[in-house]
Each structure stands twice: as C-alpha cells, then as structure tokens.
Amino acid sequence: MRLKFVPASRWPNVAKNNTSGFTLTELMTATAILGIVIGLVWSSLISMISSTQRAEEELDRKRELNRAADFIVDDIQEAAQVSGTVTLSGANAGVFEITKNDGQRVAYFMRPQGLTRWKGPYILYRKTTGMHHAQALVDGLSDQTPICLAQGGQVKQSAGFKVIMVSNKHLKICLAGNLIDNEVFL
C-alpha cells in the first residue's frame, strides 16, 4: 500500500495549526486585568457620588441657615420695636424680642438639643404671644460664637446665634451652623 501526500489546504481539520485561540493562562490574565480596571473605575465612581452627596447636603444646610436669617429679617421689617430683653415666658437663653406694629411680640431664643429629634448642639426657636409652644426655626447651630463685627450697639448672643442691635430697627444677625464633618458655617 502506498501513501499519498494530500496538501493541508484540502483537509483543514487534519492539518490544524495550534497557534489559533487563547490559552487558559492568557484568559485568566486578561480577566484579572479587566477585574482590576473595573474595580478602579467602580471605586472612583463611588467616590464621585459620595462627594456629590456631601456637597448637596452642605448646600442644603447653608440654605436652611439662610432661610432662618430671611425669616428673622422679615420679622424685623414688621417690627415697631426691637429689644434685647426677652419677656415671653418659657424663653430659654433669650437673645432678642420684637414688638410688631399690632402689639404682637416675637421672641427668639436658643435651647440645647436635649432629647429632641433636632440636630444639635443648639436649636433656634421663635415664639409669639399666644403660642403655647415655640417653633423651631433652625437646628444644628454651633456652640461656637459667630464672628460678626459691627461698630457700636448692644450685643446679644447665645451659642451659634449673635445679634448686634445698632438701633431700634437696625440689627446685624449672625448664625453659626454645623456642617458636615464638624465644619462650621459662619
């Protein structure tokens, strides 16, 4: 019997070259590298989301403090008289009191957080004549005194709230609120 030589092009399965495809080692190496890259991308994505949330929380906190200041300014604009003596009953650490044109009195005072659901360490309250309970205006006020300068006038302060009464209708209001990571917004 005589063997006949058949070219490889006619029988592709018989003369298969072993260099096509990937070895198990190459596949495992590529998978490991891909896993490392995905891990790095994932951790940076989580870090960016976390910093965005932190910035949004800080911005919301600053808005709350500004809203409280705007609320106080609105009361002052309606005031006939502003006094550094708080006469409403139950006002702890009274800072100042406003008497409106209609005779209604509004007192602003501070209380420590205590066992309330509010953020501490201090909460700014507002109480008007006829109210049984004071309403919390803003929480999370700092125990640090705000840096607030004005020439002349009576200074009234309690923890993170400071009022400088320059005249009967001219006041300077400063709030110091706690932000994230014990930072203070003055």
N, C-alpha and C. Protein backbone atom coordinates (compact mmCIF):
# COMPACT_ATOMS: atom_id res chain seq x y z
N MET A 1 0.82 -1.15 0.00
CA MET A 1 0.00 0.00 0.00
C MET A 1 0.88 1.24 0.00
N ARG A 2 0.47 2.06 -0.77
CA ARG A 2 1.25 3.27 -0.97
C ARG A 2 0.49 4.46 -0.41
N LEU A 3 1.15 5.34 0.36
CA LEU A 3 0.52 6.53 0.94
C LEU A 3 0.68 7.70 -0.01
N LYS A 4 -0.37 8.38 -0.10
CA LYS A 4 -0.37 9.53 -0.98
C LYS A 4 -0.39 10.80 -0.12
N PHE A 5 0.44 11.75 -0.49
CA PHE A 5 0.51 13.03 0.24
C PHE A 5 -0.63 13.92 -0.22
N VAL A 6 -1.44 14.41 0.74
CA VAL A 6 -2.56 15.30 0.44
C VAL A 6 -2.21 16.66 1.02
N PRO A 7 -2.28 17.74 0.24
CA PRO A 7 -1.95 19.07 0.77
C PRO A 7 -2.92 19.47 1.88
N ALA A 8 -2.44 20.30 2.82
CA ALA A 8 -3.22 20.71 4.00
C ALA A 8 -4.42 21.55 3.62
N SER A 9 -4.37 22.24 2.52
CA SER A 9 -5.48 23.08 2.12
C SER A 9 -6.73 22.27 1.80
N ARG A 10 -6.59 21.04 1.45
CA ARG A 10 -7.74 20.20 1.14
C ARG A 10 -8.33 19.57 2.39
N TRP A 11 -7.55 19.44 3.39
CA TRP A 11 -8.00 18.82 4.65
C TRP A 11 -7.70 19.77 5.82
N PRO A 12 -8.48 20.87 6.03
CA PRO A 12 -8.14 21.87 7.06
C PRO A 12 -8.19 21.30 8.47
N ASN A 13 -9.05 20.38 8.77
CA ASN A 13 -9.14 19.85 10.13
C ASN A 13 -7.97 18.95 10.48
N VAL A 14 -7.40 18.33 9.50
CA VAL A 14 -6.30 17.41 9.75
C VAL A 14 -5.03 18.17 10.04
N ALA A 15 -4.79 19.23 9.32
CA ALA A 15 -3.55 19.97 9.47
C ALA A 15 -3.77 21.25 10.26
N LYS A 16 -4.53 21.22 11.35
CA LYS A 16 -4.86 22.41 12.15
C LYS A 16 -3.62 22.94 12.84
N ASN A 17 -3.50 24.25 12.82
CA ASN A 17 -2.37 24.91 13.46
C ASN A 17 -2.73 25.17 14.93
N ASN A 18 -1.90 24.85 15.86
CA ASN A 18 -2.16 25.02 17.29
C ASN A 18 -1.99 26.45 17.78
N THR A 19 -1.66 27.40 16.96
CA THR A 19 -1.45 28.77 17.39
C THR A 19 -2.72 29.60 17.38
N SER A 20 -3.84 29.11 16.92
CA SER A 20 -5.08 29.89 16.93
C SER A 20 -5.76 29.75 18.29
N GLY A 21 -6.48 30.86 18.77
CA GLY A 21 -7.17 30.85 20.06
C GLY A 21 -6.27 31.33 21.19
N PHE A 22 -6.80 31.23 22.42
CA PHE A 22 -6.08 31.70 23.60
C PHE A 22 -5.86 30.54 24.55
N THR A 23 -4.79 30.61 25.27
CA THR A 23 -4.54 29.59 26.29
C THR A 23 -5.27 29.98 27.56
N LEU A 24 -5.43 29.05 28.46
CA LEU A 24 -6.10 29.30 29.74
C LEU A 24 -5.36 30.36 30.54
N THR A 25 -4.06 30.36 30.52
CA THR A 25 -3.26 31.36 31.24
C THR A 25 -3.53 32.76 30.70
N GLU A 26 -3.60 32.90 29.39
CA GLU A 26 -3.88 34.20 28.79
C GLU A 26 -5.27 34.70 29.16
N LEU A 27 -6.25 33.81 29.14
CA LEU A 27 -7.61 34.20 29.52
C LEU A 27 -7.69 34.61 30.98
N MET A 28 -7.02 33.90 31.85
CA MET A 28 -7.03 34.25 33.29
C MET A 28 -6.33 35.58 33.53
N THR A 29 -5.23 35.83 32.84
CA THR A 29 -4.51 37.10 32.98
C THR A 29 -5.38 38.26 32.50
N ALA A 30 -6.03 38.10 31.36
CA ALA A 30 -6.90 39.15 30.84
C ALA A 30 -8.08 39.41 31.78
N THR A 31 -8.64 38.35 32.35
CA THR A 31 -9.75 38.50 33.29
C THR A 31 -9.29 39.24 34.55
N ALA A 32 -8.10 38.92 35.04
CA ALA A 32 -7.58 39.60 36.24
C ALA A 32 -7.36 41.09 35.96
N ILE A 33 -6.78 41.41 34.82
CA ILE A 33 -6.54 42.82 34.47
C ILE A 33 -7.86 43.56 34.32
N LEU A 34 -8.83 42.93 33.66
CA LEU A 34 -10.15 43.53 33.50
C LEU A 34 -10.81 43.76 34.86
N GLY A 35 -10.67 42.81 35.76
CA GLY A 35 -11.23 42.96 37.11
C GLY A 35 -10.62 44.13 37.86
N ILE A 36 -9.31 44.30 37.73
CA ILE A 36 -8.63 45.42 38.39
C ILE A 36 -9.11 46.75 37.82
N VAL A 37 -9.22 46.84 36.50
CA VAL A 37 -9.68 48.08 35.86
C VAL A 37 -11.11 48.39 36.29
N ILE A 38 -11.99 47.40 36.28
CA ILE A 38 -13.38 47.62 36.70
C ILE A 38 -13.43 48.05 38.16
N GLY A 39 -12.61 47.45 39.02
CA GLY A 39 -12.56 47.84 40.43
C GLY A 39 -12.13 49.29 40.61
N LEU A 40 -11.13 49.72 39.87
CA LEU A 40 -10.68 51.11 39.96
C LEU A 40 -11.75 52.08 39.48
N VAL A 41 -12.38 51.75 38.37
CA VAL A 41 -13.45 52.61 37.84
C VAL A 41 -14.61 52.67 38.83
N TRP A 42 -14.97 51.54 39.41
CA TRP A 42 -16.09 51.48 40.36
C TRP A 42 -15.78 52.32 41.61
N SER A 43 -14.56 52.19 42.14
CA SER A 43 -14.24 52.96 43.35
C SER A 43 -14.23 54.46 43.07
N SER A 44 -13.75 54.88 41.88
CA SER A 44 -13.80 56.32 41.59
C SER A 44 -15.22 56.80 41.37
N LEU A 45 -16.08 55.96 40.82
CA LEU A 45 -17.48 56.33 40.64
C LEU A 45 -18.16 56.50 42.00
N ILE A 46 -17.92 55.58 42.91
CA ILE A 46 -18.48 55.68 44.26
C ILE A 46 -17.96 56.93 44.96
N SER A 47 -16.68 57.23 44.79
CA SER A 47 -16.09 58.42 45.40
C SER A 47 -16.73 59.69 44.86
N MET A 48 -16.98 59.75 43.56
CA MET A 48 -17.61 60.94 42.96
C MET A 48 -19.04 61.09 43.45
N ILE A 49 -19.78 59.99 43.53
CA ILE A 49 -21.16 60.05 44.01
C ILE A 49 -21.18 60.51 45.46
N SER A 50 -20.26 59.99 46.26
CA SER A 50 -20.19 60.37 47.68
C SER A 50 -19.88 61.86 47.84
N SER A 51 -18.93 62.37 47.07
CA SER A 51 -18.58 63.79 47.20
C SER A 51 -19.72 64.68 46.70
N THR A 52 -20.46 64.23 45.70
CA THR A 52 -21.61 64.98 45.22
C THR A 52 -22.70 65.04 46.28
N GLN A 53 -22.97 63.91 46.93
CA GLN A 53 -23.97 63.89 48.00
C GLN A 53 -23.55 64.79 49.15
N ARG A 54 -22.27 64.76 49.49
CA ARG A 54 -21.75 65.59 50.58
C ARG A 54 -21.93 67.07 50.24
N ALA A 55 -21.63 67.45 49.00
CA ALA A 55 -21.78 68.85 48.58
C ALA A 55 -23.25 69.27 48.60
N GLU A 56 -24.14 68.38 48.19
CA GLU A 56 -25.57 68.69 48.21
C GLU A 56 -26.08 68.86 49.64
N GLU A 57 -25.63 67.99 50.56
CA GLU A 57 -26.04 68.11 51.96
C GLU A 57 -25.55 69.42 52.55
N GLU A 58 -24.32 69.79 52.23
CA GLU A 58 -23.76 71.03 52.74
C GLU A 58 -24.52 72.24 52.18
N LEU A 59 -24.85 72.19 50.91
CA LEU A 59 -25.61 73.28 50.29
C LEU A 59 -27.01 73.38 50.90
N ASP A 60 -27.66 72.25 51.15
CA ASP A 60 -28.98 72.26 51.81
C ASP A 60 -28.88 72.87 53.19
N ARG A 61 -27.83 72.55 53.93
CA ARG A 61 -27.64 73.08 55.28
C ARG A 61 -27.47 74.60 55.24
N LYS A 62 -26.69 75.08 54.29
CA LYS A 62 -26.49 76.53 54.15
C LYS A 62 -27.81 77.22 53.77
N ARG A 63 -28.60 76.56 52.94
CA ARG A 63 -29.91 77.12 52.59
C ARG A 63 -30.81 77.23 53.81
N GLU A 64 -30.79 76.21 54.67
CA GLU A 64 -31.60 76.25 55.90
C GLU A 64 -31.20 77.43 56.77
N LEU A 65 -29.91 77.65 56.93
CA LEU A 65 -29.43 78.77 57.74
C LEU A 65 -29.83 80.10 57.11
N ASN A 66 -29.73 80.21 55.80
CA ASN A 66 -30.13 81.44 55.12
C ASN A 66 -31.63 81.67 55.21
N ARG A 67 -32.42 80.60 55.13
CA ARG A 67 -33.88 80.73 55.28
C ARG A 67 -34.23 81.25 56.67
N ALA A 68 -33.54 80.74 57.68
CA ALA A 68 -33.80 81.21 59.05
C ALA A 68 -33.47 82.69 59.16
N ALA A 69 -32.34 83.10 58.59
CA ALA A 69 -31.97 84.52 58.62
C ALA A 69 -33.00 85.37 57.88
N ASP A 70 -33.48 84.89 56.74
CA ASP A 70 -34.52 85.61 56.00
C ASP A 70 -35.80 85.74 56.81
N PHE A 71 -36.16 84.70 57.52
CA PHE A 71 -37.36 84.71 58.36
C PHE A 71 -37.24 85.77 59.45
N ILE A 72 -36.07 85.82 60.08
CA ILE A 72 -35.83 86.81 61.13
C ILE A 72 -35.88 88.22 60.54
N VAL A 73 -35.28 88.40 59.38
CA VAL A 73 -35.28 89.72 58.73
C VAL A 73 -36.71 90.16 58.42
N ASP A 74 -37.55 89.23 57.96
CA ASP A 74 -38.96 89.57 57.69
C ASP A 74 -39.66 90.05 58.96
N ASP A 75 -39.40 89.37 60.09
CA ASP A 75 -39.99 89.81 61.37
C ASP A 75 -39.48 91.19 61.76
N ILE A 76 -38.20 91.43 61.56
CA ILE A 76 -37.61 92.73 61.94
C ILE A 76 -38.21 93.85 61.09
N GLN A 77 -38.47 93.58 59.82
CA GLN A 77 -39.05 94.60 58.95
C GLN A 77 -40.46 94.98 59.38
N GLU A 78 -41.17 94.06 60.05
CA GLU A 78 -42.52 94.34 60.55
C GLU A 78 -42.50 94.90 61.97
N ALA A 79 -41.33 95.09 62.54
CA ALA A 79 -41.22 95.47 63.95
C ALA A 79 -41.42 96.95 64.17
N ALA A 80 -42.08 97.25 65.29
CA ALA A 80 -42.17 98.62 65.76
C ALA A 80 -41.03 98.88 66.73
N GLN A 81 -40.59 97.82 67.42
CA GLN A 81 -39.52 97.95 68.40
C GLN A 81 -38.78 96.63 68.52
N VAL A 82 -37.48 96.73 68.77
CA VAL A 82 -36.64 95.55 69.00
C VAL A 82 -35.97 95.73 70.34
N SER A 83 -35.99 94.66 71.15
CA SER A 83 -35.42 94.74 72.48
C SER A 83 -34.49 93.56 72.72
N GLY A 84 -33.47 93.80 73.52
CA GLY A 84 -32.55 92.73 73.90
C GLY A 84 -33.04 91.96 75.10
N THR A 85 -34.16 92.37 75.67
CA THR A 85 -34.73 91.69 76.83
C THR A 85 -35.92 90.86 76.36
N VAL A 86 -35.88 89.57 76.66
CA VAL A 86 -36.97 88.68 76.26
C VAL A 86 -37.92 88.54 77.44
N THR A 87 -39.20 88.91 77.22
CA THR A 87 -40.18 88.88 78.30
C THR A 87 -41.18 87.74 78.17
N LEU A 88 -41.19 87.04 77.05
CA LEU A 88 -42.12 85.92 76.90
C LEU A 88 -41.75 84.80 77.87
N SER A 89 -42.77 84.18 78.47
CA SER A 89 -42.49 83.11 79.42
C SER A 89 -41.98 81.88 78.70
N GLY A 90 -41.11 81.16 79.36
CA GLY A 90 -40.59 79.91 78.81
C GLY A 90 -39.45 80.08 77.83
N ALA A 91 -39.01 81.29 77.61
CA ALA A 91 -37.93 81.51 76.65
C ALA A 91 -36.58 81.27 77.32
N ASN A 92 -35.91 80.21 76.93
CA ASN A 92 -34.59 79.89 77.47
C ASN A 92 -33.53 80.61 76.65
N ALA A 93 -32.54 81.12 77.31
CA ALA A 93 -31.42 81.78 76.64
C ALA A 93 -31.93 82.76 75.58
N GLY A 94 -32.83 83.65 75.99
CA GLY A 94 -33.41 84.62 75.06
C GLY A 94 -32.36 85.52 74.47
N VAL A 95 -32.46 85.75 73.19
CA VAL A 95 -31.49 86.60 72.51
C VAL A 95 -32.08 87.98 72.25
N PHE A 96 -33.26 88.02 71.62
CA PHE A 96 -33.91 89.31 71.46
C PHE A 96 -35.40 89.11 71.22
N GLU A 97 -36.13 90.24 71.33
CA GLU A 97 -37.58 90.20 71.18
C GLU A 97 -38.00 91.35 70.27
N ILE A 98 -39.02 91.09 69.47
CA ILE A 98 -39.55 92.08 68.54
C ILE A 98 -40.99 92.38 68.95
N THR A 99 -41.35 93.65 68.97
CA THR A 99 -42.75 94.04 69.14
C THR A 99 -43.22 94.57 67.80
N LYS A 100 -44.23 93.90 67.23
CA LYS A 100 -44.74 94.30 65.92
C LYS A 100 -45.71 95.46 66.06
N ASN A 101 -46.07 96.05 64.95
CA ASN A 101 -46.98 97.20 64.94
C ASN A 101 -48.34 96.87 65.55
N ASP A 102 -48.80 95.62 65.44
CA ASP A 102 -50.09 95.23 66.00
C ASP A 102 -49.99 94.84 67.48
N GLY A 103 -48.82 95.00 68.09
CA GLY A 103 -48.63 94.70 69.51
C GLY A 103 -48.16 93.28 69.78
N GLN A 104 -48.16 92.44 68.79
CA GLN A 104 -47.71 91.07 68.97
C GLN A 104 -46.20 91.05 69.21
N ARG A 105 -45.78 90.23 70.17
CA ARG A 105 -44.36 90.11 70.48
C ARG A 105 -43.83 88.79 69.93
N VAL A 106 -42.63 88.84 69.41
CA VAL A 106 -41.95 87.65 68.88
C VAL A 106 -40.59 87.55 69.55
N ALA A 107 -40.34 86.43 70.20
CA ALA A 107 -39.06 86.23 70.88
C ALA A 107 -38.25 85.18 70.14
N TYR A 108 -36.96 85.41 70.07
CA TYR A 108 -36.01 84.44 69.51
C TYR A 108 -35.10 83.99 70.63
N PHE A 109 -34.97 82.69 70.78
CA PHE A 109 -34.13 82.17 71.85
C PHE A 109 -33.52 80.84 71.45
N MET A 110 -32.50 80.44 72.21
CA MET A 110 -31.76 79.20 71.94
C MET A 110 -32.03 78.18 73.04
N ARG A 111 -32.03 76.93 72.63
CA ARG A 111 -32.09 75.82 73.59
C ARG A 111 -31.09 74.77 73.14
N PRO A 112 -30.51 74.06 74.11
CA PRO A 112 -29.67 72.93 73.72
C PRO A 112 -30.54 71.82 73.14
N GLN A 113 -29.94 70.94 72.38
CA GLN A 113 -30.69 69.89 71.69
C GLN A 113 -31.47 69.02 72.67
N GLY A 114 -30.86 68.60 73.75
CA GLY A 114 -31.55 67.74 74.70
C GLY A 114 -31.93 66.41 74.08
N LEU A 115 -33.13 65.97 74.34
CA LEU A 115 -33.59 64.68 73.83
C LEU A 115 -34.54 64.83 72.66
N THR A 116 -34.44 65.92 71.95
CA THR A 116 -35.34 66.16 70.82
C THR A 116 -34.82 65.50 69.56
N ARG A 117 -35.64 65.48 68.55
CA ARG A 117 -35.26 64.88 67.27
C ARG A 117 -34.43 65.82 66.40
N TRP A 118 -34.21 67.03 66.87
CA TRP A 118 -33.49 68.02 66.08
C TRP A 118 -31.99 67.79 66.16
N LYS A 119 -31.27 68.33 65.17
CA LYS A 119 -29.81 68.26 65.17
C LYS A 119 -29.30 69.25 66.21
N GLY A 120 -28.27 68.89 66.89
CA GLY A 120 -27.69 69.76 67.90
C GLY A 120 -26.44 70.42 67.38
N PRO A 121 -25.70 71.05 68.23
CA PRO A 121 -25.92 71.10 69.67
C PRO A 121 -26.98 72.12 70.11
N TYR A 122 -27.31 73.11 69.26
CA TYR A 122 -28.31 74.12 69.66
C TYR A 122 -29.37 74.29 68.58
N ILE A 123 -30.55 74.74 69.05
CA ILE A 123 -31.68 74.98 68.16
C ILE A 123 -32.18 76.40 68.42
N LEU A 124 -32.46 77.13 67.35
CA LEU A 124 -33.01 78.48 67.46
C LEU A 124 -34.53 78.38 67.38
N TYR A 125 -35.20 78.94 68.39
CA TYR A 125 -36.66 78.90 68.46
C TYR A 125 -37.24 80.29 68.28
N ARG A 126 -38.50 80.30 67.86
CA ARG A 126 -39.27 81.53 67.70
C ARG A 126 -40.60 81.32 68.41
N LYS A 127 -40.96 82.28 69.25
CA LYS A 127 -42.23 82.17 69.96
C LYS A 127 -42.93 83.52 69.92
N THR A 128 -44.22 83.48 69.60
CA THR A 128 -45.01 84.71 69.57
C THR A 128 -46.02 84.67 70.71
N THR A 129 -46.55 85.84 71.06
CA THR A 129 -47.57 85.89 72.09
C THR A 129 -48.76 85.07 71.63
N GLY A 130 -49.32 84.32 72.54
CA GLY A 130 -50.47 83.48 72.21
C GLY A 130 -50.10 82.06 71.79
N MET A 131 -48.83 81.81 71.48
CA MET A 131 -48.41 80.45 71.13
C MET A 131 -48.14 79.66 72.40
N HIS A 132 -48.64 78.43 72.45
CA HIS A 132 -48.36 77.59 73.62
C HIS A 132 -46.95 77.02 73.56
N HIS A 133 -46.52 76.67 72.36
CA HIS A 133 -45.19 76.09 72.19
C HIS A 133 -44.41 76.91 71.18
N ALA A 134 -43.12 77.00 71.44
CA ALA A 134 -42.25 77.70 70.49
C ALA A 134 -42.02 76.82 69.27
N GLN A 135 -41.79 77.45 68.14
CA GLN A 135 -41.49 76.68 66.94
C GLN A 135 -39.99 76.73 66.67
N ALA A 136 -39.44 75.57 66.33
CA ALA A 136 -38.02 75.50 65.99
C ALA A 136 -37.82 76.15 64.63
N LEU A 137 -36.94 77.12 64.58
CA LEU A 137 -36.69 77.84 63.33
C LEU A 137 -35.56 77.18 62.55
N VAL A 138 -34.48 76.85 63.23
CA VAL A 138 -33.36 76.17 62.59
C VAL A 138 -32.61 75.38 63.66
N ASP A 139 -32.17 74.20 63.28
CA ASP A 139 -31.42 73.36 64.21
C ASP A 139 -29.98 73.25 63.74
N GLY A 140 -29.18 72.53 64.51
CA GLY A 140 -27.79 72.32 64.13
C GLY A 140 -26.92 73.55 64.26
N LEU A 141 -27.31 74.48 65.16
CA LEU A 141 -26.46 75.65 65.36
C LEU A 141 -25.26 75.25 66.21
N SER A 142 -24.15 75.85 65.92
CA SER A 142 -22.90 75.51 66.56
C SER A 142 -22.85 76.04 67.98
N ASP A 143 -21.95 75.47 68.77
CA ASP A 143 -21.72 76.03 70.10
C ASP A 143 -20.65 77.12 70.05
N GLN A 144 -20.13 77.39 68.86
CA GLN A 144 -19.16 78.47 68.68
C GLN A 144 -19.89 79.79 68.43
N THR A 145 -19.36 80.85 68.97
CA THR A 145 -19.94 82.18 68.75
C THR A 145 -19.59 82.64 67.34
N PRO A 146 -20.59 83.11 66.59
CA PRO A 146 -20.31 83.59 65.23
C PRO A 146 -19.37 84.79 65.24
N ILE A 147 -18.53 84.87 64.23
CA ILE A 147 -17.65 86.02 64.07
C ILE A 147 -18.46 87.06 63.30
N CYS A 148 -18.82 88.12 64.00
CA CYS A 148 -19.74 89.09 63.45
C CYS A 148 -19.37 90.45 64.05
N LEU A 149 -18.90 91.34 63.24
CA LEU A 149 -18.43 92.63 63.75
C LEU A 149 -19.33 93.77 63.30
N ALA A 150 -19.55 94.69 64.21
CA ALA A 150 -20.29 95.92 63.89
C ALA A 150 -19.86 96.97 64.90
N GLN A 151 -19.87 98.20 64.48
CA GLN A 151 -19.46 99.27 65.38
C GLN A 151 -20.65 99.72 66.20
N GLY A 152 -20.45 99.75 67.51
CA GLY A 152 -21.50 100.21 68.41
C GLY A 152 -22.63 99.23 68.51
N GLY A 153 -23.56 99.55 69.39
CA GLY A 153 -24.75 98.72 69.54
C GLY A 153 -24.62 97.69 70.65
N GLN A 154 -25.77 97.19 71.03
CA GLN A 154 -25.85 96.18 72.08
C GLN A 154 -25.68 94.80 71.45
N VAL A 155 -24.82 93.98 72.03
CA VAL A 155 -24.57 92.64 71.51
C VAL A 155 -25.29 91.63 72.37
N LYS A 156 -26.11 90.80 71.74
CA LYS A 156 -26.80 89.70 72.41
C LYS A 156 -26.41 88.43 71.68
N GLN A 157 -25.98 87.43 72.43
CA GLN A 157 -25.58 86.20 71.77
C GLN A 157 -25.85 84.99 72.66
N SER A 158 -26.02 83.89 72.00
CA SER A 158 -26.19 82.62 72.69
C SER A 158 -25.72 81.53 71.74
N ALA A 159 -24.64 80.89 72.08
CA ALA A 159 -24.05 79.81 71.27
C ALA A 159 -23.87 80.27 69.83
N GLY A 160 -24.54 79.64 68.87
CA GLY A 160 -24.32 79.92 67.45
C GLY A 160 -25.18 81.02 66.88
N PHE A 161 -25.74 81.89 67.72
CA PHE A 161 -26.62 82.97 67.26
C PHE A 161 -26.18 84.27 67.93
N LYS A 162 -25.95 85.28 67.12
CA LYS A 162 -25.49 86.56 67.64
C LYS A 162 -26.24 87.67 66.94
N VAL A 163 -26.70 88.65 67.74
CA VAL A 163 -27.42 89.81 67.22
C VAL A 163 -26.73 91.06 67.74
N ILE A 164 -26.43 91.98 66.84
CA ILE A 164 -25.88 93.27 67.24
C ILE A 164 -26.96 94.31 66.94
N MET A 165 -27.50 94.93 68.00
CA MET A 165 -28.57 95.92 67.86
C MET A 165 -27.95 97.30 67.78
N VAL A 166 -27.80 97.79 66.57
CA VAL A 166 -27.20 99.10 66.35
C VAL A 166 -28.20 100.19 66.69
N SER A 167 -29.46 100.00 66.30
CA SER A 167 -30.53 100.94 66.64
C SER A 167 -31.82 100.14 66.79
N ASN A 168 -32.92 100.85 66.99
CA ASN A 168 -34.21 100.20 67.21
C ASN A 168 -34.65 99.34 66.01
N LYS A 169 -34.25 99.71 64.80
CA LYS A 169 -34.65 98.97 63.61
C LYS A 169 -33.46 98.44 62.81
N HIS A 170 -32.25 98.69 63.28
CA HIS A 170 -31.06 98.25 62.56
C HIS A 170 -30.34 97.19 63.38
N LEU A 171 -30.39 95.96 62.88
CA LEU A 171 -29.74 94.84 63.56
C LEU A 171 -28.82 94.12 62.59
N LYS A 172 -27.80 93.52 63.15
CA LYS A 172 -26.94 92.64 62.37
C LYS A 172 -27.09 91.25 62.98
N ILE A 173 -27.46 90.28 62.14
CA ILE A 173 -27.74 88.92 62.61
C ILE A 173 -26.67 87.98 62.08
N CYS A 174 -26.15 87.13 62.94
CA CYS A 174 -25.14 86.16 62.53
C CYS A 174 -25.50 84.79 63.10
N LEU A 175 -25.45 83.79 62.24
CA LEU A 175 -25.70 82.41 62.64
C LEU A 175 -24.44 81.59 62.36
N ALA A 176 -24.13 80.66 63.25
CA ALA A 176 -23.04 79.72 63.03
C ALA A 176 -23.64 78.33 63.08
N GLY A 177 -23.70 77.68 61.94
CA GLY A 177 -24.32 76.36 61.86
C GLY A 177 -23.31 75.28 61.59
N ASN A 178 -23.56 74.10 62.15
CA ASN A 178 -22.68 72.96 61.91
C ASN A 178 -22.96 72.36 60.55
N LEU A 179 -21.89 72.10 59.83
CA LEU A 179 -21.98 71.43 58.54
C LEU A 179 -21.46 70.01 58.72
N ILE A 180 -21.12 69.37 57.64
CA ILE A 180 -20.62 68.00 57.67
C ILE A 180 -19.20 67.98 58.23
N ASP A 181 -18.85 66.91 58.91
CA ASP A 181 -17.51 66.71 59.48
C ASP A 181 -17.12 67.82 60.45
N ASN A 182 -18.06 68.28 61.25
CA ASN A 182 -17.83 69.28 62.29
C ASN A 182 -17.31 70.61 61.75
N GLU A 183 -17.54 70.88 60.48
CA GLU A 183 -17.21 72.20 59.95
C GLU A 183 -18.29 73.17 60.38
N VAL A 184 -17.93 74.43 60.54
CA VAL A 184 -18.88 75.45 60.98
C VAL A 184 -19.03 76.49 59.88
N PHE A 185 -20.28 76.78 59.53
CA PHE A 185 -20.60 77.80 58.52
C PHE A 185 -20.96 79.07 59.26
N LEU A 186 -20.15 80.12 59.11
CA LEU A 186 -20.38 81.38 59.81
C LEU A 186 -21.01 82.38 58.87
